[in-house]
């Protein structure tokens, strides 16, 4: 048994089909883009948490146009 009733062999067959369709180069680019998106999302969460805790000024605090 694998994930949710899908065996390891079925996962390997699906992986082989995906690599055949998209190619290894495109999958590498998709993986890199996905990793960059996750890092950016985590950084945004950390910034929001720090701002909520009062560690960082609000984005409009130093902007004269917002006064």
PDB file of N, CA and C in Angstrom:
ATOM      1  N   UNK A   1       0.832  -1.188   0.000  1.00  0.00           N
ATOM      2  CA  UNK A   1       0.000   0.000   0.000  1.00  0.00           C
ATOM      3  C   UNK A   1       0.872   1.246   0.000  1.00  0.00           C
ATOM      4  N   UNK A   2       0.516   2.189  -0.786  1.00  0.00           N
ATOM      5  CA  UNK A   2       1.210   3.468  -0.854  1.00  0.00           C
ATOM      6  C   UNK A   2       0.347   4.560  -0.253  1.00  0.00           C
ATOM      7  N   UNK A   3       0.281   5.634  -0.952  1.00  0.00           N
ATOM      8  CA  UNK A   3      -0.495   6.786  -0.493  1.00  0.00           C
ATOM      9  C   UNK A   3      -1.944   6.650  -0.927  1.00  0.00           C
ATOM     10  N   UNK A   4      -2.860   6.502   0.024  1.00  0.00           N
ATOM     11  CA  UNK A   4      -4.279   6.457  -0.288  1.00  0.00           C
ATOM     12  C   UNK A   4      -4.678   5.322  -1.201  1.00  0.00           C
ATOM     13  N   UNK A   5      -4.056   4.180  -1.068  1.00  0.00           N
ATOM     14  CA  UNK A   5      -4.402   3.040  -1.890  1.00  0.00           C
ATOM     15  C   UNK A   5      -3.662   2.974  -3.213  1.00  0.00           C
ATOM     16  N   UNK A   6      -2.727   3.899  -3.451  1.00  0.00           N
ATOM     17  CA  UNK A   6      -1.927   3.897  -4.673  1.00  0.00           C
ATOM     18  C   UNK A   6      -0.604   3.234  -4.342  1.00  0.00           C
ATOM     19  N   UNK A   7      -0.259   2.179  -5.093  1.00  0.00           N
ATOM     20  CA  UNK A   7       0.973   1.448  -4.807  1.00  0.00           C
ATOM     21  C   UNK A   7       2.188   2.205  -5.346  1.00  0.00           C
ATOM     22  N   UNK A   8       3.345   1.759  -4.907  1.00  0.00           N
ATOM     23  CA  UNK A   8       4.601   2.375  -5.341  1.00  0.00           C
ATOM     24  C   UNK A   8       4.773   2.218  -6.845  1.00  0.00           C
ATOM     25  N   UNK A   9       4.385   1.064  -7.381  1.00  0.00           N
ATOM     26  CA  UNK A   9       4.527   0.831  -8.820  1.00  0.00           C
ATOM     27  C   UNK A   9       3.657   1.783  -9.635  1.00  0.00           C
ATOM     28  N   UNK A  10       2.460   2.044  -9.149  1.00  0.00           N
ATOM     29  CA  UNK A  10       1.586   2.984  -9.849  1.00  0.00           C
ATOM     30  C   UNK A  10       2.172   4.391  -9.826  1.00  0.00           C
ATOM     31  N   UNK A  11       2.765   4.780  -8.692  1.00  0.00           N
ATOM     32  CA  UNK A  11       3.407   6.099  -8.617  1.00  0.00           C
ATOM     33  C   UNK A  11       4.589   6.195  -9.578  1.00  0.00           C
ATOM     34  N   UNK A  12       5.362   5.118  -9.699  1.00  0.00           N
ATOM     35  CA  UNK A  12       6.496   5.119 -10.631  1.00  0.00           C
ATOM     36  C   UNK A  12       6.030   5.218 -12.083  1.00  0.00           C
ATOM     37  N   UNK A  13       4.943   4.553 -12.412  1.00  0.00           N
ATOM     38  CA  UNK A  13       4.408   4.632 -13.772  1.00  0.00           C
ATOM     39  C   UNK A  13       3.924   6.045 -14.061  1.00  0.00           C
ATOM     40  N   UNK A  14       3.233   6.659 -13.109  1.00  0.00           N
ATOM     41  CA  UNK A  14       2.763   8.038 -13.291  1.00  0.00           C
ATOM     42  C   UNK A  14       3.943   8.981 -13.458  1.00  0.00           C
ATOM     43  N   UNK A  15       4.985   8.793 -12.652  1.00  0.00           N
ATOM     44  CA  UNK A  15       6.186   9.620 -12.764  1.00  0.00           C
ATOM     45  C   UNK A  15       6.844   9.460 -14.132  1.00  0.00           C
ATOM     46  N   UNK A  16       6.923   8.250 -14.628  1.00  0.00           N
ATOM     47  CA  UNK A  16       7.514   8.010 -15.944  1.00  0.00           C
ATOM     48  C   UNK A  16       6.704   8.699 -17.044  1.00  0.00           C
ATOM     49  N   UNK A  17       5.385   8.668 -16.931  1.00  0.00           N
ATOM     50  CA  UNK A  17       4.532   9.325 -17.935  1.00  0.00           C
ATOM     51  C   UNK A  17       4.725  10.837 -17.888  1.00  0.00           C
ATOM     52  N   UNK A  18       4.786  11.395 -16.680  1.00  0.00           N
ATOM     53  CA  UNK A  18       4.967  12.846 -16.544  1.00  0.00           C
ATOM     54  C   UNK A  18       6.320  13.267 -17.113  1.00  0.00           C
ATOM     55  N   UNK A  19       7.370  12.516 -16.834  1.00  0.00           N
ATOM     56  CA  UNK A  19       8.699  12.846 -17.369  1.00  0.00           C
ATOM     57  C   UNK A  19       8.701  12.729 -18.881  1.00  0.00           C
ATOM     58  N   UNK A  20       8.007  11.737 -19.418  1.00  0.00           N
ATOM     59  CA  UNK A  20       7.927  11.571 -20.868  1.00  0.00           C
ATOM     60  C   UNK A  20       7.206  12.755 -21.513  1.00  0.00           C
ATOM     61  N   UNK A  21       6.139  13.212 -20.910  1.00  0.00           N
ATOM     62  CA  UNK A  21       5.349  14.296 -21.490  1.00  0.00           C
ATOM     63  C   UNK A  21       6.072  15.636 -21.379  1.00  0.00           C
ATOM     64  N   UNK A  22       6.559  15.959 -20.191  1.00  0.00           N
ATOM     65  CA  UNK A  22       7.125  17.288 -19.958  1.00  0.00           C
ATOM     66  C   UNK A  22       8.631  17.349 -20.151  1.00  0.00           C
ATOM     67  N   UNK A  23       9.325  16.264 -19.967  1.00  0.00           N
ATOM     68  CA  UNK A  23      10.776  16.268 -20.064  1.00  0.00           C
ATOM     69  C   UNK A  23      11.405  16.668 -18.734  1.00  0.00           C
ATOM     70  N   UNK A  24      12.613  16.187 -18.497  1.00  0.00           N
ATOM     71  CA  UNK A  24      13.287  16.421 -17.217  1.00  0.00           C
ATOM     72  C   UNK A  24      13.658  17.892 -17.044  1.00  0.00           C
ATOM     73  N   UNK A  25      14.019  18.582 -18.117  1.00  0.00           N
ATOM     74  CA  UNK A  25      14.412  19.988 -18.024  1.00  0.00           C
ATOM     75  C   UNK A  25      13.274  20.877 -17.561  1.00  0.00           C
ATOM     76  N   UNK A  26      12.104  20.671 -18.117  1.00  0.00           N
ATOM     77  CA  UNK A  26      10.956  21.492 -17.735  1.00  0.00           C
ATOM     78  C   UNK A  26      10.545  21.199 -16.293  1.00  0.00           C
ATOM     79  N   UNK A  27      10.606  19.933 -15.878  1.00  0.00           N
ATOM     80  CA  UNK A  27      10.276  19.591 -14.503  1.00  0.00           C
ATOM     81  C   UNK A  27      11.260  20.236 -13.531  1.00  0.00           C
ATOM     82  N   UNK A  28      12.518  20.322 -13.917  1.00  0.00           N
ATOM     83  CA  UNK A  28      13.519  20.971 -13.072  1.00  0.00           C
ATOM     84  C   UNK A  28      13.170  22.451 -12.904  1.00  0.00           C
ATOM     85  N   UNK A  29      12.763  23.109 -13.987  1.00  0.00           N
ATOM     86  CA  UNK A  29      12.372  24.522 -13.913  1.00  0.00           C
ATOM     87  C   UNK A  29      11.131  24.711 -13.052  1.00  0.00           C
ATOM     88  N   UNK A  30      10.169  23.821 -13.188  1.00  0.00           N
ATOM     89  CA  UNK A  30       8.952  23.912 -12.386  1.00  0.00           C
ATOM     90  C   UNK A  30       9.292  23.737 -10.912  1.00  0.00           C
ATOM     91  N   UNK A  31      10.183  22.795 -10.605  1.00  0.00           N
ATOM     92  CA  UNK A  31      10.598  22.587  -9.221  1.00  0.00           C
ATOM     93  C   UNK A  31      11.300  23.797  -8.648  1.00  0.00           C
ATOM     94  N   UNK A  32      12.166  24.421  -9.435  1.00  0.00           N
ATOM     95  CA  UNK A  32      12.873  25.617  -8.967  1.00  0.00           C
ATOM     96  C   UNK A  32      11.898  26.774  -8.750  1.00  0.00           C
ATOM     97  N   UNK A  33      10.959  26.952  -9.650  1.00  0.00           N
ATOM     98  CA  UNK A  33       9.958  28.011  -9.495  1.00  0.00           C
ATOM     99  C   UNK A  33       9.073  27.769  -8.273  1.00  0.00           C
ATOM    100  N   UNK A  34       8.708  26.529  -8.059  1.00  0.00           N
ATOM    101  CA  UNK A  34       7.887  26.191  -6.901  1.00  0.00           C
ATOM    102  C   UNK A  34       8.650  26.446  -5.598  1.00  0.00           C
ATOM    103  N   UNK A  35       9.938  26.090  -5.580  1.00  0.00           N
ATOM    104  CA  UNK A  35      10.756  26.348  -4.400  1.00  0.00           C
ATOM    105  C   UNK A  35      10.888  27.837  -4.111  1.00  0.00           C
ATOM    106  N   UNK A  36      11.082  28.641  -5.152  1.00  0.00           N
ATOM    107  CA  UNK A  36      11.185  30.092  -4.971  1.00  0.00           C
ATOM    108  C   UNK A  36       9.867  30.671  -4.453  1.00  0.00           C
ATOM    109  N   UNK A  37       8.751  30.150  -4.936  1.00  0.00           N
ATOM    110  CA  UNK A  37       7.451  30.629  -4.478  1.00  0.00           C
ATOM    111  C   UNK A  37       7.230  30.296  -3.004  1.00  0.00           C
ATOM    112  N   UNK A  38       7.626  29.098  -2.601  1.00  0.00           N
ATOM    113  CA  UNK A  38       7.459  28.698  -1.197  1.00  0.00           C
ATOM    114  C   UNK A  38       8.347  29.551  -0.300  1.00  0.00           C
ATOM    115  N   UNK A  39       9.594  29.809  -0.725  1.00  0.00           N
ATOM    116  CA  UNK A  39      10.489  30.666   0.066  1.00  0.00           C
ATOM    117  C   UNK A  39       9.919  32.071   0.201  1.00  0.00           C
ATOM    118  N   UNK A  40       9.386  32.608  -0.874  1.00  0.00           N
ATOM    119  CA  UNK A  40       8.797  33.942  -0.841  1.00  0.00           C
ATOM    120  C   UNK A  40       7.578  33.980   0.079  1.00  0.00           C
ATOM    121  N   UNK A  41       6.765  32.944   0.025  1.00  0.00           N
ATOM    122  CA  UNK A  41       5.583  32.861   0.885  1.00  0.00           C
ATOM    123  C   UNK A  41       5.984  32.805   2.354  1.00  0.00           C
ATOM    124  N   UNK A  42       6.977  31.989   2.670  1.00  0.00           N
ATOM    125  CA  UNK A  42       7.442  31.887   4.062  1.00  0.00           C
ATOM    126  C   UNK A  42       8.026  33.205   4.544  1.00  0.00           C
ATOM    127  N   UNK A  43       8.786  33.885   3.681  1.00  0.00           N
ATOM    128  CA  UNK A  43       9.354  35.180   4.054  1.00  0.00           C
ATOM    129  C   UNK A  43       8.235  36.188   4.325  1.00  0.00           C
ATOM    130  N   UNK A  44       7.201  36.169   3.518  1.00  0.00           N
ATOM    131  CA  UNK A  44       6.062  37.055   3.733  1.00  0.00           C
ATOM    132  C   UNK A  44       5.364  36.767   5.047  1.00  0.00           C
ATOM    133  N   UNK A  45       5.231  35.490   5.395  1.00  0.00           N
ATOM    134  CA  UNK A  45       4.625  35.138   6.674  1.00  0.00           C
ATOM    135  C   UNK A  45       5.476  35.627   7.838  1.00  0.00           C
ATOM    136  N   UNK A  46       6.796  35.478   7.723  1.00  0.00           N
ATOM    137  CA  UNK A  46       7.678  35.947   8.794  1.00  0.00           C
ATOM    138  C   UNK A  46       7.591  37.456   8.931  1.00  0.00           C
ATOM    139  N   UNK A  47       7.545  38.167   7.813  1.00  0.00           N
ATOM    140  CA  UNK A  47       7.438  39.627   7.855  1.00  0.00           C
ATOM    141  C   UNK A  47       6.123  40.062   8.499  1.00  0.00           C
ATOM    142  N   UNK A  48       5.029  39.364   8.155  1.00  0.00           N
ATOM    143  CA  UNK A  48       3.727  39.693   8.747  1.00  0.00           C
ATOM    144  C   UNK A  48       3.725  39.427  10.246  1.00  0.00           C
ATOM    145  N   UNK A  49       4.330  38.313  10.660  1.00  0.00           N
ATOM    146  CA  UNK A  49       4.390  37.996  12.087  1.00  0.00           C
ATOM    147  C   UNK A  49       5.222  39.025  12.836  1.00  0.00           C
ATOM    148  N   UNK A  50       6.350  39.438  12.255  1.00  0.00           N
ATOM    149  CA  UNK A  50       7.202  40.431  12.899  1.00  0.00           C
ATOM    150  C   UNK A  50       6.493  41.780  12.974  1.00  0.00           C
ATOM    151  N   UNK A  51       5.763  42.126  11.926  1.00  0.00           N
ATOM    152  CA  UNK A  51       5.039  43.394  11.905  1.00  0.00           C
ATOM    153  C   UNK A  51       3.915  43.376  12.933  1.00  0.00           C
ATOM    154  N   UNK A  52       3.224  42.256  13.061  1.00  0.00           N
ATOM    155  CA  UNK A  52       2.141  42.141  14.032  1.00  0.00           C
ATOM    156  C   UNK A  52       2.675  42.212  15.466  1.00  0.00           C
ATOM    157  N   UNK A  53       3.890  41.726  15.668  1.00  0.00           N
ATOM    158  CA  UNK A  53       4.498  41.763  16.994  1.00  0.00           C
ATOM    159  C   UNK A  53       5.074  43.134  17.304  1.00  0.00           C
ATOM    160  N   UNK A  54       5.136  44.016  16.319  1.00  0.00           N
ATOM    161  CA  UNK A  54       5.629  45.370  16.526  1.00  0.00           C
ATOM    162  C   UNK A  54       7.113  45.513  16.270  1.00  0.00           C
ATOM    163  N   UNK A  55       7.740  44.486  15.704  1.00  0.00           N
ATOM    164  CA  UNK A  55       9.169  44.546  15.426  1.00  0.00           C
ATOM    165  C   UNK A  55       9.492  45.407  14.218  1.00  0.00           C
ATOM    166  N   UNK A  56       8.590  45.443  13.248  1.00  0.00           N
ATOM    167  CA  UNK A  56       8.811  46.211  12.030  1.00  0.00           C
ATOM    168  C   UNK A  56       7.786  47.339  11.946  1.00  0.00           C
ATOM    169  N   UNK A  57       8.170  48.480  11.398  1.00  0.00           N
ATOM    170  CA  UNK A  57       7.174  49.538  11.192  1.00  0.00           C
ATOM    171  C   UNK A  57       6.206  49.133  10.094  1.00  0.00           C
ATOM    172  N   UNK A  58       5.030  49.719  10.102  1.00  0.00           N
ATOM    173  CA  UNK A  58       4.076  49.408   9.056  1.00  0.00           C
ATOM    174  C   UNK A  58       4.590  49.972   7.736  1.00  0.00           C
ATOM    175  N   UNK A  59       4.194  49.408   6.619  1.00  0.00           N
ATOM    176  CA  UNK A  59       4.695  49.850   5.321  1.00  0.00           C
ATOM    177  C   UNK A  59       4.382  51.306   5.028  1.00  0.00           C
ATOM    178  N   UNK A  60       3.333  51.876   5.588  1.00  0.00           N
ATOM    179  CA  UNK A  60       2.952  53.267   5.283  1.00  0.00           C
ATOM    180  C   UNK A  60       3.426  54.234   6.340  1.00  0.00           C
ATOM    181  N   UNK A  61       4.127  53.769   7.379  1.00  0.00           N
ATOM    182  CA  UNK A  61       4.526  54.663   8.472  1.00  0.00           C
ATOM    183  C   UNK A  61       5.514  55.738   8.016  1.00  0.00           C
ATOM    184  N   UNK A  62       6.431  55.398   7.132  1.00  0.00           N
ATOM    185  CA  UNK A  62       7.429  56.374   6.701  1.00  0.00           C
ATOM    186  C   UNK A  62       7.109  57.015   5.372  1.00  0.00           C
ATOM    187  N   UNK A  63       5.968  56.723   4.798  1.00  0.00           N
ATOM    188  CA  UNK A  63       5.611  57.231   3.485  1.00  0.00           C
ATOM    189  C   UNK A  63       4.860  58.552   3.641  1.00  0.00           C
ATOM    190  N   UNK A  64       5.466  59.668   3.232  1.00  0.00           N
ATOM    191  CA  UNK A  64       4.798  60.975   3.383  1.00  0.00           C
ATOM    192  C   UNK A  64       3.505  61.061   2.575  1.00  0.00           C
ATOM    193  N   UNK A  65       3.354  60.311   1.523  1.00  0.00           N
ATOM    194  CA  UNK A  65       2.163  60.389   0.699  1.00  0.00           C
ATOM    195  C   UNK A  65       0.954  59.824   1.442  1.00  0.00           C
ATOM    196  N   UNK A  66       1.152  58.984   2.424  1.00  0.00           N
ATOM    197  CA  UNK A  66       0.059  58.359   3.149  1.00  0.00           C
ATOM    198  C   UNK A  66      -0.404  59.195   4.343  1.00  0.00           C
ATOM    199  N   UNK A  67       0.276  60.275   4.652  1.00  0.00           N
ATOM    200  CA  UNK A  67      -0.094  61.100   5.814  1.00  0.00           C
ATOM    201  C   UNK A  67      -1.197  62.053   5.492  1.00  0.00           C
TER     202      UNK A  67
END
